Amino acid sequence: MNAKEIRELSVAELNEKLADLKDELYKLRFQHAINQLDNPMRITAVKKDIARVQTIIREAELKDSANA
């Protein structure tokens, strides 16, 4: 996912996406711990996606507080 795609989502969708990504990261870490993970770089990619989503959520919060 890139930032442009993420910015098109609503805040509720972003929070749902964030929960999904955190769940995926948990599962990937578990697979990595028991040596069943095929692509360990996927962990890094998911972490970066989580950071992107959190950044966009924060930008939306700041934009709402500036408008109020």
Protein backbone atom coordinates (compact mmCIF):
# COMPACT_ATOMS: atom_id res chain seq x y z
CA MET A 1 0.00 0.00 0.00
CA ASN A 2 1.17 3.49 -0.70
CA ALA A 3 0.24 6.71 1.08
CA LYS A 4 -2.01 7.87 -1.76
CA GLU A 5 -4.23 4.79 -1.43
CA ILE A 6 -4.33 5.14 2.35
CA ARG A 7 -5.32 8.82 2.23
CA GLU A 8 -8.44 7.91 0.22
CA LEU A 9 -9.82 5.88 3.14
CA SER A 10 -12.01 7.28 5.91
CA VAL A 11 -10.83 7.38 9.53
CA ALA A 12 -13.05 4.41 10.43
CA GLU A 13 -11.60 2.40 7.54
CA LEU A 14 -8.10 3.41 8.59
CA ASN A 15 -8.69 2.17 12.13
CA GLU A 16 -10.02 -1.12 10.75
CA LYS A 17 -7.01 -1.42 8.44
CA LEU A 18 -4.69 -0.70 11.36
CA ALA A 19 -6.26 -3.48 13.42
CA ASP A 20 -5.94 -5.90 10.48
CA LEU A 21 -2.27 -5.00 9.97
CA LYS A 22 -1.47 -5.44 13.66
CA ASP A 23 -3.15 -8.85 13.61
CA GLU A 24 -1.17 -9.81 10.51
CA LEU A 25 2.07 -8.68 12.16
CA TYR A 26 1.28 -10.80 15.22
CA LYS A 27 0.70 -13.86 13.02
CA LEU A 28 3.89 -13.22 11.04
CA ARG A 29 5.95 -12.93 14.23
CA PHE A 30 4.47 -16.19 15.49
CA GLN A 31 5.29 -17.94 12.21
CA HIS A 32 8.81 -16.52 12.35
CA ALA A 33 9.30 -17.82 15.88
CA ILE A 34 8.43 -21.38 14.87
CA ASN A 35 10.42 -21.17 11.62
CA GLN A 36 7.46 -21.41 9.23
CA LEU A 37 7.77 -17.97 7.69
CA ASP A 38 8.56 -18.07 3.97
CA ASN A 39 9.30 -14.36 3.48
CA PRO A 40 10.78 -12.61 6.55
CA MET A 41 10.80 -9.28 4.68
CA ARG A 42 7.00 -9.30 4.93
CA ILE A 43 7.37 -8.39 8.63
CA THR A 44 9.22 -5.21 7.66
CA ALA A 45 6.65 -4.36 5.00
CA VAL A 46 3.76 -4.77 7.45
CA LYS A 47 5.53 -2.60 10.03
CA LYS A 48 5.96 0.15 7.43
CA ASP A 49 2.28 -0.13 6.43
CA ILE A 50 1.30 0.23 10.10
CA ALA A 51 3.44 3.35 10.37
CA ARG A 52 1.88 4.81 7.21
CA VAL A 53 -1.65 4.22 8.48
CA GLN A 54 -0.84 5.71 11.89
CA THR A 55 0.70 8.77 10.21
CA ILE A 56 -2.38 9.35 8.05
CA ILE A 57 -4.66 8.96 11.08
CA ARG A 58 -2.59 11.53 12.97
CA GLU A 59 -2.68 13.93 10.02
CA ALA A 60 -6.48 13.64 9.96
CA GLU A 61 -6.64 14.36 13.73
CA LEU A 62 -4.46 17.44 13.35
CA LYS A 63 -6.48 18.66 10.38
CA ASP A 64 -9.74 18.28 12.37
CA SER A 65 -8.31 20.11 15.39
CA ALA A 66 -7.01 22.93 13.19
CA ASN A 67 -10.44 23.38 11.60
CA ALA A 68 -12.19 23.49 14.98
